């Protein structure tokens, strides 16, 4: 059975990855040590300057120093402060002082996720779409959708020379169907997939941006990105989806290797290495980067049409492909500052 993230690698590359892993760990420890030293130095300076004489005054000074430090831009966060990073991780859709998402957009058909959810809710119609005995989308709908969006050649490539015969043969359709249910756009009732009242309201919008954004919210906040990919949980990769979009905002005007963004992610969250006990293949460092590239760039940003792939790159072969943000990205997201 193929294991996610596995390929042929040389012993020399393994050694390099172990060196990188050690370097990330050393940098994290060094940064933590410097942070503690800087905090204590700044706190001592404030105490001396204010002539603090009581515990309550000391607590006030400590709170002010901590708050001030949390508002400072950090190099490891690519210019974000600790306070902004907290907002990005925990309140991604409610931090309008950092970023806003626009639903007043027209999503192009090049966005696979939007194309799939549009065909799905359209097929449900007024009568619904009959589910299979196991609760999946009907084979004919899956096959017709795959042919319409991918073409016969891509379908055969995806199914190793066969054809799409069931929902699970077309992974993108499967996960979009799951996310659409989590978003409350469709539901399964008495053996049929039906559009919900929420979906009907969304479809009444003058543009298709609202449908797209509802799906994106569910995919990022409810759907488990680690579903069936074989890696460790590494939930921080999904929780940091908005940080990854911030990186694309900062650096995505030009084509860059996907590994560039994986490196930036690991720079911001070096402790993620501790979450890997036994790498599937290679070092912990390489494992995290492969998992990040798969989940964030291939199965999220590309699925939702937020990145473009360099025409000279082979689609998602290793980590050598190059990407940049798409025109849809700038229409959807507005970062402050």
Protein backbone atom coordinates (compact mmCIF):
# COMPACT_ATOMS: atom_id res chain seq x y z
CA UNK A 1 0.00 0.00 0.00
CA UNK A 2 1.32 3.44 -0.87
CA UNK A 3 2.14 5.52 2.17
CA UNK A 4 1.62 9.29 2.00
CA UNK A 5 4.85 11.19 1.68
CA UNK A 6 6.97 8.20 0.66
CA UNK A 7 9.42 8.31 -2.23
CA UNK A 8 12.98 7.40 -3.13
CA UNK A 9 15.63 9.42 -1.31
CA UNK A 10 19.40 9.25 -1.01
CA UNK A 11 21.33 8.78 2.22
CA UNK A 12 22.95 12.15 1.61
CA UNK A 13 19.52 13.80 1.57
CA UNK A 14 18.58 11.99 4.80
CA UNK A 15 21.67 13.43 6.46
CA UNK A 16 20.78 16.92 5.27
CA UNK A 17 17.23 16.57 6.60
CA UNK A 18 18.50 15.47 10.01
CA UNK A 19 20.79 18.50 10.04
CA UNK A 20 17.82 20.75 9.19
CA UNK A 21 15.74 19.13 11.91
CA UNK A 22 18.49 19.73 14.47
CA UNK A 23 18.85 23.30 13.26
CA UNK A 24 15.12 24.00 13.66
CA UNK A 25 15.15 22.55 17.18
CA UNK A 26 18.26 24.55 18.09
CA UNK A 27 16.73 27.75 16.69
CA UNK A 28 13.53 27.18 18.67
CA UNK A 29 15.44 26.63 21.91
CA UNK A 30 17.68 29.61 21.24
CA UNK A 31 14.71 31.84 20.50
CA UNK A 32 12.92 30.74 23.67
CA UNK A 33 16.04 31.41 25.71
CA UNK A 34 16.50 34.85 24.15
CA UNK A 35 12.84 35.66 24.74
CA UNK A 36 13.14 34.87 28.43
CA UNK A 37 16.32 36.91 28.76
CA UNK A 38 14.84 39.88 26.89
CA UNK A 39 11.64 39.71 28.94
CA UNK A 40 13.54 39.68 32.24
CA UNK A 41 15.82 42.51 31.09
CA UNK A 42 12.90 44.67 29.98
CA UNK A 43 10.95 43.92 33.14
CA UNK A 44 13.92 44.81 35.38
CA UNK A 45 14.36 48.07 33.51
CA UNK A 46 10.70 49.00 33.97
CA UNK A 47 10.79 48.12 37.66
CA UNK A 48 13.86 50.28 38.21
CA UNK A 49 12.45 53.19 36.19
CA UNK A 50 9.15 53.21 38.09
CA UNK A 51 10.55 52.48 41.54
CA UNK A 52 8.04 49.65 42.08
CA UNK A 53 7.31 49.20 45.78
CA UNK A 54 4.47 46.65 45.99
CA UNK A 55 3.31 43.33 44.56
CA UNK A 56 0.31 44.96 42.89
CA UNK A 57 2.53 47.52 41.18
CA UNK A 58 4.88 44.74 40.08
CA UNK A 59 1.96 42.83 38.55
CA UNK A 60 0.80 45.94 36.70
CA UNK A 61 4.28 46.50 35.25
CA UNK A 62 4.60 42.83 34.29
CA UNK A 63 1.23 42.93 32.48
CA UNK A 64 2.18 46.08 30.59
CA UNK A 65 5.54 44.67 29.52
CA UNK A 66 3.95 41.40 28.40
CA UNK A 67 1.24 43.22 26.47
CA UNK A 68 3.80 45.47 24.76
CA UNK A 69 5.92 42.50 23.73
CA UNK A 70 2.89 40.66 22.37
CA UNK A 71 2.21 43.57 20.04
CA UNK A 72 5.70 43.66 18.52
CA UNK A 73 6.32 42.21 15.05
CA UNK A 74 8.31 38.97 15.11
CA UNK A 75 10.72 37.80 12.45
CA UNK A 76 9.76 34.15 12.91
CA UNK A 77 6.14 35.14 12.21
CA UNK A 78 7.18 37.09 9.09
CA UNK A 79 6.23 40.43 10.66
CA UNK A 80 3.14 39.37 12.60
CA UNK A 81 3.01 39.95 16.34
CA UNK A 82 2.20 37.26 18.90
CA UNK A 83 -1.20 38.91 19.40
CA UNK A 84 -1.92 38.81 15.67
CA UNK A 85 -0.83 35.18 15.46
CA UNK A 86 -3.23 34.31 18.28
CA UNK A 87 -6.06 35.97 16.36
CA UNK A 88 -5.08 34.19 13.15
CA UNK A 89 -5.01 30.77 14.80
CA UNK A 90 -8.12 31.05 16.93
CA UNK A 91 -10.36 33.64 15.25
CA UNK A 92 -9.50 33.46 11.55
CA UNK A 93 -12.87 34.69 10.29
CA UNK A 94 -13.44 37.24 13.05
CA UNK A 95 -10.18 39.20 13.03
CA UNK A 96 -11.21 41.99 10.68
CA UNK A 97 -8.42 44.23 11.96
CA UNK A 98 -6.01 41.76 10.33
CA UNK A 99 -7.90 40.33 7.36
CA UNK A 100 -11.34 40.30 5.78
CA UNK A 101 -12.98 37.78 3.46
CA UNK A 102 -15.24 39.09 0.71
CA UNK A 103 -18.26 37.17 -0.50
CA UNK A 104 -19.06 39.85 -3.07
CA UNK A 105 -16.98 38.14 -5.72
CA UNK A 106 -17.52 36.02 -8.78
CA UNK A 107 -15.61 32.77 -8.32
CA UNK A 108 -14.18 31.46 -11.60
CA UNK A 109 -14.80 27.93 -12.77
CA UNK A 110 -11.08 27.25 -12.42
CA UNK A 111 -11.65 26.79 -8.68
CA UNK A 112 -12.15 23.01 -8.38
CA UNK A 113 -13.91 23.20 -5.02
CA UNK A 114 -16.42 25.75 -6.24
CA UNK A 115 -17.04 23.93 -9.50
CA UNK A 116 -17.70 20.70 -7.57
CA UNK A 117 -20.02 22.18 -4.96
CA UNK A 118 -21.93 24.06 -7.66
CA UNK A 119 -22.54 20.86 -9.65
CA UNK A 120 -23.46 19.04 -6.45
CA UNK A 121 -26.10 21.47 -5.20
CA UNK A 122 -27.46 21.84 -8.73
CA UNK A 123 -27.81 18.05 -9.06
CA UNK A 124 -29.65 17.89 -5.74
CA UNK A 125 -32.27 20.23 -7.19
CA UNK A 126 -35.80 20.10 -5.80
CA UNK A 127 -36.05 16.31 -5.73
CA UNK A 128 -32.68 15.50 -4.26
CA UNK A 129 -29.96 13.12 -5.40
CA UNK A 130 -30.40 9.45 -4.55
CA UNK A 131 -27.60 8.06 -2.39
CA UNK A 132 -26.08 4.61 -2.85
CA UNK A 133 -26.77 1.81 -0.41
CA UNK A 134 -23.61 2.82 1.48
CA UNK A 135 -24.60 6.47 1.58
CA UNK A 136 -22.37 7.85 -1.15
CA UNK A 137 -23.17 9.96 -4.21
CA UNK A 138 -24.55 7.96 -7.16
CA UNK A 139 -22.01 6.50 -9.57
CA UNK A 140 -23.40 8.25 -12.65
CA UNK A 141 -23.17 11.68 -11.05
CA UNK A 142 -19.58 11.02 -9.93
CA UNK A 143 -18.57 9.76 -13.38
CA UNK A 144 -20.28 12.62 -15.24
CA UNK A 145 -18.81 15.21 -12.90
CA UNK A 146 -15.29 13.82 -13.28
CA UNK A 147 -15.55 13.79 -17.07
CA UNK A 148 -16.96 17.33 -17.15
CA UNK A 149 -14.27 18.84 -14.94
CA UNK A 150 -11.24 16.66 -15.63
CA UNK A 151 -11.73 15.13 -19.04
CA UNK A 152 -11.32 11.47 -19.96
CA UNK A 153 -7.51 11.49 -19.98
CA UNK A 154 -7.19 12.94 -16.47
CA UNK A 155 -9.87 10.56 -15.20
CA UNK A 156 -7.95 7.55 -16.47
CA UNK A 157 -4.75 8.88 -14.97
CA UNK A 158 -6.46 9.40 -11.62
CA UNK A 159 -7.92 5.88 -11.60
CA UNK A 160 -4.79 4.20 -12.97
CA UNK A 161 -6.24 3.42 -16.39
CA UNK A 162 -9.79 2.73 -15.27
CA UNK A 163 -12.68 5.18 -14.83
CA UNK A 164 -14.50 6.91 -11.99
CA UNK A 165 -17.05 4.36 -10.80
CA UNK A 166 -17.83 5.64 -7.32
CA UNK A 167 -17.47 8.69 -5.10
CA UNK A 168 -14.28 7.46 -3.44
CA UNK A 169 -12.58 7.24 -6.85
CA UNK A 170 -12.75 11.04 -7.05
CA UNK A 171 -11.22 12.31 -3.83
CA UNK A 172 -11.88 16.01 -4.43
CA UNK A 173 -15.59 15.36 -4.99
CA UNK A 174 -15.72 13.18 -1.87
CA UNK A 175 -14.18 15.80 0.42
CA UNK A 176 -16.26 18.60 -1.09
CA UNK A 177 -19.41 16.57 -0.46
CA UNK A 178 -18.35 16.04 3.16
CA UNK A 179 -17.51 19.73 3.60
CA UNK A 180 -20.81 20.76 2.01
CA UNK A 181 -22.66 18.68 4.58
CA UNK A 182 -20.56 20.17 7.39
CA UNK A 183 -21.36 23.63 6.03
CA UNK A 184 -25.07 22.84 6.21
CA UNK A 185 -25.51 23.25 2.47
CA UNK A 186 -26.79 19.72 1.86
CA UNK A 187 -28.12 16.96 4.09
CA UNK A 188 -28.93 13.31 3.69
CA UNK A 189 -32.54 12.38 4.40
CA UNK A 190 -34.30 9.09 3.63
CA UNK A 191 -31.60 8.00 1.25
CA UNK A 192 -31.35 11.22 -0.72
CA UNK A 193 -28.99 14.19 -0.71
CA UNK A 194 -31.09 17.33 -0.37
CA UNK A 195 -30.37 21.04 -0.48
CA UNK A 196 -31.01 22.78 2.82
CA UNK A 197 -32.88 26.04 3.44
CA UNK A 198 -29.50 27.60 4.14
CA UNK A 199 -28.31 26.47 0.72
CA UNK A 200 -31.38 27.90 -0.99
CA UNK A 201 -30.74 31.23 0.73
CA UNK A 202 -27.08 31.17 -0.29
CA UNK A 203 -28.00 30.38 -3.91
CA UNK A 204 -30.33 33.37 -3.99
CA UNK A 205 -27.30 35.64 -3.58
CA UNK A 206 -26.56 37.76 -6.67
CA UNK A 207 -23.12 36.17 -7.03
CA UNK A 208 -21.51 32.82 -6.21
CA UNK A 209 -19.05 34.11 -3.62
CA UNK A 210 -21.27 33.29 -0.67
CA UNK A 211 -21.52 29.61 -1.64
CA UNK A 212 -17.75 29.47 -2.06
CA UNK A 213 -17.06 31.14 1.28
CA UNK A 214 -19.49 28.88 3.17
CA UNK A 215 -17.66 25.85 1.80
CA UNK A 216 -14.26 27.35 2.60
CA UNK A 217 -15.30 28.04 6.20
CA UNK A 218 -16.40 24.44 6.70
CA UNK A 219 -13.33 23.02 4.99
CA UNK A 220 -10.94 25.02 7.15
CA UNK A 221 -12.78 24.85 10.49
CA UNK A 222 -14.73 21.56 10.47
CA UNK A 223 -13.31 19.13 7.93
CA UNK A 224 -10.25 17.18 9.14
CA UNK A 225 -7.37 17.90 6.77
CA UNK A 226 -5.59 14.76 7.94
CA UNK A 227 -8.40 12.55 6.64
CA UNK A 228 -6.88 9.52 4.90
CA UNK A 229 -3.46 11.03 4.15
CA UNK A 230 -1.41 8.71 6.38
CA UNK A 231 0.45 11.40 8.31
CA UNK A 232 0.30 12.21 12.03
CA UNK A 233 -2.46 14.57 13.17
CA UNK A 234 -0.33 17.75 13.08
CA UNK A 235 -3.44 19.85 13.58
CA UNK A 236 -1.41 23.06 13.70
CA UNK A 237 -1.09 22.85 9.91
CA UNK A 238 -4.84 23.26 9.53
CA UNK A 239 -5.19 25.67 12.45
CA UNK A 240 -2.59 27.88 10.79
CA UNK A 241 -4.35 27.98 7.41
CA UNK A 242 -4.75 31.75 7.63
CA UNK A 243 -1.06 32.17 8.42
CA UNK A 244 -0.33 30.21 5.25
CA UNK A 245 -2.62 32.57 3.34
CA UNK A 246 -0.78 35.48 4.94
CA UNK A 247 2.48 34.02 3.61
CA UNK A 248 0.97 33.87 0.13
CA UNK A 249 -0.12 37.48 0.58
CA UNK A 250 3.42 38.49 1.55
CA UNK A 251 5.42 36.41 -0.90
CA UNK A 252 3.01 35.10 -3.53
CA UNK A 253 3.32 37.72 -6.25
CA UNK A 254 6.05 35.66 -7.90
CA UNK A 255 6.38 31.93 -8.46
CA UNK A 256 8.23 30.21 -5.62
CA UNK A 257 8.84 26.58 -4.74
CA UNK A 258 6.25 25.13 -2.41
CA UNK A 259 9.14 24.27 -0.10
CA UNK A 260 9.64 28.01 0.51
CA UNK A 261 6.30 28.18 2.31
CA UNK A 262 6.92 24.93 4.17
CA UNK A 263 10.17 26.41 5.48
CA UNK A 264 8.36 29.57 6.63
CA UNK A 265 5.73 27.47 8.39
CA UNK A 266 8.37 25.45 10.23
CA UNK A 267 10.19 28.66 11.15
CA UNK A 268 7.01 29.88 12.85
CA UNK A 269 6.08 26.56 14.47
CA UNK A 270 9.30 24.60 15.12
CA UNK A 271 7.70 22.71 18.01
CA UNK A 272 5.56 20.81 15.51
CA UNK A 273 8.54 18.48 15.12
CA UNK A 274 7.86 17.21 18.64
CA UNK A 275 4.46 15.91 17.49
CA UNK A 276 6.08 13.33 15.21
CA UNK A 277 7.19 10.20 17.03
CA UNK A 278 8.06 7.93 14.11
CA UNK A 279 8.45 9.55 10.67
CA UNK A 280 6.98 7.51 7.84
CA UNK A 281 10.10 8.15 5.80
CA UNK A 282 13.16 10.33 6.30
CA UNK A 283 13.49 12.92 9.06
CA UNK A 284 10.91 14.74 11.14
CA UNK A 285 11.80 17.95 9.34
CA UNK A 286 11.06 16.50 5.92
CA UNK A 287 7.93 14.76 7.20
CA UNK A 288 6.43 18.04 8.40
CA UNK A 289 7.29 19.84 5.17
CA UNK A 290 5.78 17.12 3.00
CA UNK A 291 2.64 17.02 5.11
CA UNK A 292 2.37 20.81 5.03
CA UNK A 293 2.76 20.99 1.25
CA UNK A 294 0.18 18.25 0.73
CA UNK A 295 -2.47 19.56 3.07
CA UNK A 296 -2.03 23.30 2.66
CA UNK A 297 -0.97 23.83 -0.93
CA UNK A 298 -2.31 20.82 -2.82
CA UNK A 299 -5.47 19.91 -0.94
CA UNK A 300 -6.49 23.38 0.24
CA UNK A 301 -5.07 26.33 -1.68
CA UNK A 302 -5.12 24.59 -5.06
CA UNK A 303 -8.48 22.94 -4.44
CA UNK A 304 -10.03 26.35 -3.72
CA UNK A 305 -8.29 28.08 -6.63
CA UNK A 306 -6.14 30.31 -4.42
CA UNK A 307 -2.83 29.45 -6.11
CA UNK A 308 -1.57 29.04 -9.64
CA UNK A 309 0.87 26.34 -10.66
CA UNK A 310 3.88 27.27 -12.79
CA UNK A 311 3.34 25.92 -16.31
CA UNK A 312 6.91 24.57 -16.23
CA UNK A 313 6.22 22.55 -13.08
CA UNK A 314 4.87 19.02 -12.99
CA UNK A 315 1.69 19.07 -10.88
CA UNK A 316 2.57 18.17 -7.31
CA UNK A 317 5.58 15.98 -8.02
CA UNK A 318 7.63 15.93 -4.84
CA UNK A 319 8.07 19.47 -3.51
CA UNK A 320 9.71 20.92 -6.63
CA UNK A 321 6.62 22.57 -8.11
CA UNK A 322 6.31 26.37 -8.06
CA UNK A 323 3.25 28.35 -7.06
CA UNK A 324 2.00 31.90 -6.70
CA UNK A 325 -1.27 33.38 -5.48
CA UNK A 326 -4.13 33.57 -7.97
CA UNK A 327 -6.26 36.55 -8.96
CA UNK A 328 -9.09 35.00 -6.92
CA UNK A 329 -6.85 35.19 -3.84
CA UNK A 330 -6.66 38.99 -4.01
CA UNK A 331 -10.38 39.30 -4.66
CA UNK A 332 -11.26 37.10 -1.70
CA UNK A 333 -8.75 38.30 0.91
CA UNK A 334 -7.81 41.77 2.10
CA UNK A 335 -4.95 41.82 4.62
CA UNK A 336 -4.42 45.02 6.60
CA UNK A 337 -0.99 46.61 6.59
